[in-house]
Amino acid sequence: MSRCVRLMNIGTNPRQYLAGRQRPTRQFATDTLPVVPHLVARVLVDSQHLQHVRDVHNHLKHHGILKISLGFPDDESQYLESLVVSLSKNHGHGLPITHSASCGWFWDVRPSETTFQTENHQARSETMEEFPWHTDCSYEHAPPRFFALQVLHPDRYGGGTLSVMKIDQISQFLSPATKAALLEPEYQITIPPEFIKNPDRRHIVGSLCAIDTQVQGHSLMMRYRDEIVTPLSPRAAAALKELKGALKNTEALSQSTLHLTAADLPARSIILLDNYRWLHARNGIKDPARHLRRVRWNAVLFANSVVLQPSVASIT
């Protein structure tokens, strides 16, 4: 079976690389999607090297997606923790957010039938079930702008493929009326029990989309997880229905989606995503030993990025 993505070299100077002056940059590519930048961290201290951290920041800023390969064992995720702290120190990223009232910066994404990271509540990521299109923490007033997944043990049996969808491209399959409706705070978003931090707050009300003023052209960004969203008006319901249709549209999917298998993301690899600009999903897990570790950071109030009464024509 052919792979959905391929590696391509993008002009690394071999002499500079062999001299240690430049690490190789490789990219995943398809015929219709932007490439996925790929950096190599040779040693743990790279997480504090200014040029390496700057490269990570710039790739997230311009592409919203990045793969990093670790050249050393790191089952404790020391590199990832140090990298996020360095992004905060040198580039103004917010520090990681806690996952729940009982779980801190890191969350282990692995199936379990008995041991849960939040007492008495099993998260979807702790099952072997597929997880349809969503963004992380859509139930927060301030969702994290970024998250990363470190692969500790890939699925050995062909499951657990991570799919990513570029929101800016899927938005081209939405009507102007739907885009405008998704910008309005007319959706109730339920907080999953395992992620409740305040027992008095079980849901929020807000929009599903906003305008990203940090990107040239003011592109559309999104927060979404289907089963926890309830529309509060007829136009909100109609817009949500059209959005769900677009997420199943074969043409839209072919132009906006990458599928990253265990071959693309082996052990010691990390995938970083802009949580506002990319949706992600996974198919069913086949390997009960599959183990990823997640960190989320740079929480930003979603509504702050909404321009009041935006011009629909400015939404790409």
Protein backbone atom coordinates (compact mmCIF):
# COMPACT_ATOMS: atom_id res chain seq x y z
CA MET A 1 0.00 0.00 0.00
CA SER A 2 1.40 3.39 -0.95
CA ARG A 3 2.15 5.90 1.77
CA CYS A 4 0.12 9.07 1.91
CA VAL A 5 3.19 11.27 2.35
CA ARG A 6 6.79 11.09 1.25
CA LEU A 7 10.04 12.58 2.48
CA MET A 8 11.86 15.07 0.35
CA ASN A 9 15.08 16.97 0.96
CA ILE A 10 14.86 20.74 0.52
CA GLY A 11 18.35 21.93 -0.14
CA THR A 12 20.49 21.12 2.88
CA ASN A 13 24.16 21.89 2.20
CA PRO A 14 25.96 18.52 2.85
CA ARG A 15 29.24 20.14 3.85
CA GLN A 16 27.56 22.40 6.37
CA TYR A 17 25.63 19.47 7.77
CA LEU A 18 28.68 17.24 8.10
CA ALA A 19 30.50 20.12 9.79
CA GLY A 20 27.65 20.40 12.29
CA ARG A 21 26.76 23.93 11.20
CA GLN A 22 23.34 23.09 9.86
CA ARG A 23 20.95 20.30 10.77
CA PRO A 24 19.06 18.65 7.96
CA THR A 25 15.61 19.93 7.17
CA ARG A 26 13.38 17.42 5.44
CA GLN A 27 9.73 17.76 4.57
CA PHE A 28 6.68 15.65 4.00
CA ALA A 29 4.86 16.62 0.84
CA THR A 30 1.79 15.85 -1.24
CA ASP A 31 0.67 17.27 -4.55
CA THR A 32 -2.01 19.49 -3.03
CA LEU A 33 -0.92 20.34 0.51
CA PRO A 34 1.85 22.48 1.99
CA VAL A 35 4.89 20.52 3.06
CA VAL A 36 5.46 19.55 6.69
CA PRO A 37 8.83 20.85 7.92
CA HIS A 38 11.08 18.32 9.64
CA LEU A 39 13.89 19.18 12.06
CA VAL A 40 16.37 16.94 13.85
CA ALA A 41 17.36 17.39 17.50
CA ARG A 42 20.69 15.61 17.92
CA VAL A 43 21.12 16.12 21.66
CA LEU A 44 18.94 17.15 24.57
CA VAL A 45 20.55 20.58 24.88
CA ASP A 46 19.26 21.48 21.40
CA SER A 47 16.03 22.36 23.19
CA GLN A 48 17.85 25.41 24.57
CA HIS A 49 19.94 26.37 21.54
CA LEU A 50 18.69 29.71 20.24
CA GLN A 51 18.82 28.79 16.54
CA HIS A 52 17.03 25.48 17.02
CA VAL A 53 14.30 27.08 19.14
CA ARG A 54 13.98 29.89 16.59
CA ASP A 55 13.56 27.35 13.80
CA VAL A 56 10.77 25.63 15.74
CA HIS A 57 9.04 28.94 16.40
CA ASN A 58 9.27 30.06 12.76
CA HIS A 59 7.92 26.78 11.39
CA LEU A 60 4.95 26.94 13.75
CA LYS A 61 4.37 30.56 12.84
CA HIS A 62 4.51 30.08 9.08
CA HIS A 63 3.23 26.51 8.63
CA GLY A 64 1.44 25.66 11.87
CA ILE A 65 2.89 22.15 11.74
CA LEU A 66 6.31 20.61 12.37
CA LYS A 67 7.91 17.21 12.86
CA ILE A 68 10.99 16.83 15.07
CA SER A 69 13.09 13.67 15.21
CA LEU A 70 15.12 13.01 18.35
CA GLY A 71 18.59 11.55 17.95
CA PHE A 72 18.65 10.27 21.52
CA PRO A 73 16.38 8.31 23.91
CA ASP A 74 13.99 10.50 25.91
CA ASP A 75 11.21 8.48 27.53
CA GLU A 76 10.72 11.21 30.14
CA SER A 77 10.06 13.92 27.48
CA GLN A 78 12.80 16.17 28.85
CA TYR A 79 13.49 17.64 25.42
CA LEU A 80 9.84 18.57 24.86
CA GLU A 81 9.46 20.13 28.29
CA SER A 82 12.64 22.15 27.86
CA LEU A 83 11.68 23.21 24.32
CA VAL A 84 8.32 24.63 25.39
CA VAL A 85 9.99 26.54 28.22
CA SER A 86 12.54 27.90 25.71
CA LEU A 87 9.74 28.97 23.33
CA SER A 88 8.18 30.85 26.23
CA LYS A 89 11.46 32.47 27.27
CA ASN A 90 12.65 33.46 23.80
CA HIS A 91 9.54 33.88 21.67
CA GLY A 92 6.72 34.83 24.01
CA HIS A 93 4.83 31.54 23.95
CA GLY A 94 2.66 30.89 26.97
CA LEU A 95 3.70 28.02 29.22
CA PRO A 96 1.86 24.67 29.13
CA ILE A 97 -1.62 24.36 30.57
CA THR A 98 -2.75 21.66 32.97
CA HIS A 99 -4.94 18.95 31.46
CA SER A 100 -7.36 18.63 34.36
CA ALA A 101 -7.73 19.25 38.07
CA SER A 102 -5.49 16.24 38.76
CA CYS A 103 -3.16 16.03 35.75
CA GLY A 104 -0.37 18.49 34.98
CA TRP A 105 1.49 19.51 31.82
CA PHE A 106 1.82 16.06 30.26
CA TRP A 107 -0.90 13.58 29.34
CA ASP A 108 -0.17 10.00 28.30
CA VAL A 109 -2.16 9.05 25.21
CA ARG A 110 -2.41 5.28 25.52
CA PRO A 111 -5.25 2.77 25.85
CA SER A 112 -6.21 1.50 29.28
CA GLU A 113 -9.27 -0.30 30.60
CA THR A 114 -8.56 0.12 34.30
CA THR A 115 -6.15 2.98 35.04
CA PHE A 116 -7.27 6.50 34.09
CA GLN A 117 -5.38 9.77 34.53
CA THR A 118 -8.51 11.46 35.86
CA GLU A 119 -10.19 9.49 38.64
CA ASN A 120 -13.34 7.62 37.57
CA HIS A 121 -13.36 9.13 34.06
CA GLN A 122 -11.79 7.59 30.95
CA ALA A 123 -10.74 10.07 28.28
CA ARG A 124 -11.32 9.22 24.64
CA SER A 125 -7.56 9.25 24.13
CA GLU A 126 -7.31 6.42 26.69
CA THR A 127 -9.40 4.06 24.53
CA MET A 128 -8.59 2.15 21.33
CA GLU A 129 -11.49 3.80 19.50
CA GLU A 130 -11.14 6.13 16.55
CA PHE A 131 -11.30 9.84 17.34
CA PRO A 132 -13.00 11.95 14.63
CA TRP A 133 -12.00 15.48 13.61
CA HIS A 134 -11.45 17.87 16.50
CA THR A 135 -9.22 20.53 18.00
CA ASP A 136 -7.81 20.21 21.50
CA CYS A 137 -9.54 21.96 24.41
CA SER A 138 -12.37 23.40 22.33
CA TYR A 139 -14.28 23.57 25.63
CA GLU A 140 -11.90 26.17 27.09
CA HIS A 141 -12.46 29.93 26.92
CA ALA A 142 -8.72 30.07 26.17
CA PRO A 143 -7.76 26.96 24.17
CA PRO A 144 -4.03 26.28 23.75
CA ARG A 145 -2.66 27.67 20.52
CA PHE A 146 -0.22 24.77 20.18
CA PHE A 147 0.14 21.15 21.20
CA ALA A 148 2.74 18.44 20.62
CA LEU A 149 2.62 14.65 20.60
CA GLN A 150 5.79 12.67 21.29
CA VAL A 151 5.77 9.09 20.01
CA LEU A 152 7.09 6.74 22.69
CA HIS A 153 5.69 3.54 21.17
CA PRO A 154 4.06 3.59 17.71
CA ASP A 155 1.24 1.27 16.71
CA ARG A 156 2.97 -1.86 15.34
CA TYR A 157 -0.12 -3.24 13.63
CA GLY A 158 -1.22 -0.43 11.29
CA GLY A 159 -3.61 1.48 13.53
CA GLY A 160 -3.41 4.84 15.22
CA THR A 161 -2.81 6.87 12.05
CA LEU A 162 -2.83 10.59 12.84
CA SER A 163 -4.75 12.63 10.26
CA VAL A 164 -4.43 16.41 10.08
CA MET A 165 -6.66 18.81 8.16
CA LYS A 166 -5.78 22.40 7.26
CA ILE A 167 -8.67 24.58 8.41
CA ASP A 168 -7.88 27.37 5.96
CA GLN A 169 -8.39 24.97 3.06
CA ILE A 170 -11.51 23.22 4.37
CA SER A 171 -13.08 26.66 4.92
CA GLN A 172 -13.12 27.15 1.14
CA PHE A 173 -15.90 24.56 1.01
CA LEU A 174 -18.13 26.59 3.37
CA SER A 175 -20.62 29.20 2.21
CA PRO A 176 -20.22 32.87 3.30
CA ALA A 177 -23.38 32.56 5.42
CA THR A 178 -22.01 29.52 7.24
CA LYS A 179 -18.67 31.20 7.90
CA ALA A 180 -20.46 34.23 9.33
CA ALA A 181 -22.69 32.05 11.55
CA LEU A 182 -19.75 30.07 12.89
CA LEU A 183 -18.19 33.35 14.05
CA GLU A 184 -21.14 34.09 16.34
CA PRO A 185 -21.16 32.96 20.02
CA GLU A 186 -24.20 30.73 19.53
CA TYR A 187 -22.81 27.34 20.51
CA GLN A 188 -22.80 25.58 23.87
CA ILE A 189 -19.68 23.48 24.31
CA THR A 190 -19.75 20.84 27.05
CA ILE A 191 -16.59 20.16 29.06
CA PRO A 192 -15.80 16.41 29.08
CA PRO A 193 -15.91 15.06 32.67
CA GLU A 194 -12.24 14.04 32.62
CA PHE A 195 -11.15 17.62 31.84
CA ILE A 196 -13.31 19.55 34.32
CA LYS A 197 -11.12 21.87 36.38
CA ASN A 198 -13.89 23.75 38.20
CA PRO A 199 -16.86 21.59 39.33
CA ASP A 200 -19.15 24.62 39.01
CA ARG A 201 -18.38 25.04 35.29
CA ARG A 202 -19.61 22.22 33.05
CA HIS A 203 -19.87 24.08 29.72
CA ILE A 204 -19.04 27.32 27.93
CA VAL A 205 -20.87 29.35 25.27
CA GLY A 206 -18.97 30.78 22.34
CA SER A 207 -18.25 30.68 18.62
CA LEU A 208 -16.71 27.79 16.72
CA CYS A 209 -14.65 30.03 14.46
CA ALA A 210 -12.67 33.25 14.75
CA ILE A 211 -10.49 35.42 12.56
CA ASP A 212 -6.76 34.90 12.93
CA THR A 213 -5.41 38.44 12.74
CA GLN A 214 -1.84 37.16 13.18
CA VAL A 215 -1.88 35.56 9.72
CA GLN A 216 -1.69 37.62 6.54
CA GLY A 217 -5.10 37.69 4.89
CA HIS A 218 -6.95 37.14 8.21
CA SER A 219 -7.59 33.44 7.75
CA LEU A 220 -10.24 31.41 9.52
CA MET A 221 -9.39 29.43 12.65
CA MET A 222 -11.58 26.95 14.46
CA ARG A 223 -12.31 25.02 17.63
CA TYR A 224 -14.40 21.90 17.22
CA ARG A 225 -15.36 18.54 18.68
CA ASP A 226 -18.67 17.32 17.33
CA GLU A 227 -20.15 15.37 20.22
CA ILE A 228 -19.80 18.20 22.75
CA VAL A 229 -21.24 21.03 20.59
CA THR A 230 -24.89 22.14 20.83
CA PRO A 231 -26.13 24.95 18.52
CA LEU A 232 -28.27 27.57 20.26
CA SER A 233 -30.06 29.06 17.24
CA PRO A 234 -31.47 27.89 13.89
CA ARG A 235 -28.68 29.59 11.92
CA ALA A 236 -26.07 28.07 14.21
CA ALA A 237 -27.60 24.63 13.62
CA ALA A 238 -27.61 25.13 9.84
CA ALA A 239 -23.98 26.25 9.87
CA LEU A 240 -22.93 23.29 12.01
CA LYS A 241 -24.69 20.92 9.61
CA GLU A 242 -22.83 22.39 6.63
CA LEU A 243 -19.52 22.20 8.49
CA LYS A 244 -20.10 18.51 9.26
CA GLY A 245 -20.86 17.94 5.58
CA ALA A 246 -17.61 19.63 4.54
CA LEU A 247 -15.65 17.41 6.93
CA LYS A 248 -17.00 14.39 5.01
CA ASN A 249 -16.64 15.90 1.53
CA THR A 250 -14.30 13.72 -0.53
CA GLU A 251 -12.93 16.60 -2.59
CA ALA A 252 -12.42 18.79 0.47
CA LEU A 253 -10.62 15.99 2.30
CA SER A 254 -8.31 15.27 -0.62
CA GLN A 255 -7.21 18.91 -0.76
CA SER A 256 -6.79 19.56 2.95
CA THR A 257 -5.75 16.35 4.71
CA LEU A 258 -2.52 14.49 5.48
CA HIS A 259 -2.42 10.99 6.99
CA LEU A 260 0.67 10.29 9.13
CA THR A 261 1.21 6.60 9.82
CA ALA A 262 3.57 4.93 12.27
CA ALA A 263 6.14 4.86 9.45
CA ASP A 264 5.90 8.65 9.21
CA LEU A 265 5.95 9.12 12.99
CA PRO A 266 8.18 6.38 14.45
CA ALA A 267 9.46 6.24 18.01
CA ARG A 268 11.46 9.33 19.06
CA SER A 269 9.49 11.62 16.76
CA ILE A 270 7.39 14.59 17.80
CA ILE A 271 4.60 16.26 15.83
CA LEU A 272 3.73 19.88 16.75
CA LEU A 273 0.52 21.55 15.56
CA ASP A 274 -1.13 24.96 15.64
CA ASN A 275 -4.37 23.96 17.34
CA TYR A 276 -6.24 26.89 15.75
CA ARG A 277 -5.18 26.21 12.16
CA TRP A 278 -5.31 22.39 11.95
CA LEU A 279 -7.96 19.84 12.88
CA HIS A 280 -6.72 16.38 13.76
CA ALA A 281 -8.15 12.87 14.07
CA ARG A 282 -7.01 9.27 14.42
CA ASN A 283 -8.32 5.93 13.29
CA GLY A 284 -8.74 2.98 15.64
CA ILE A 285 -5.82 1.71 17.70
CA LYS A 286 -4.70 -1.85 16.92
CA ASP A 287 -1.73 -2.04 19.26
CA PRO A 288 -2.59 -1.90 22.99
CA ALA A 289 1.01 -0.83 23.68
CA ARG A 290 0.73 2.33 21.52
CA HIS A 291 1.92 5.26 23.64
CA LEU A 292 2.17 8.97 22.86
CA ARG A 293 2.71 11.85 25.26
CA ARG A 294 0.96 15.21 24.83
CA VAL A 295 1.65 18.73 26.00
CA ARG A 296 -0.47 21.82 25.25
CA TRP A 297 0.71 25.42 25.58
CA ASN A 298 0.14 29.10 24.81
CA ALA A 299 -3.51 29.38 25.86
CA VAL A 300 -5.19 32.41 24.22
CA LEU A 301 -8.73 33.70 24.66
CA PHE A 302 -10.50 32.52 21.52
CA ALA A 303 -12.85 35.50 21.36
CA ASN A 304 -9.94 37.95 21.37
CA SER A 305 -9.12 36.97 17.81
CA VAL A 306 -12.60 37.78 16.52
CA VAL A 307 -12.96 41.08 14.66
CA LEU A 308 -16.36 42.57 15.50
CA GLN A 309 -18.72 42.36 12.54
CA PRO A 310 -16.02 40.97 10.24
CA SER A 311 -16.25 41.23 6.51
CA VAL A 312 -17.01 37.77 5.20
CA ALA A 313 -15.03 38.62 2.08
CA SER A 314 -11.88 38.79 4.18
CA ILE A 315 -12.22 35.16 5.27
CA THR A 316 -10.19 32.89 3.04
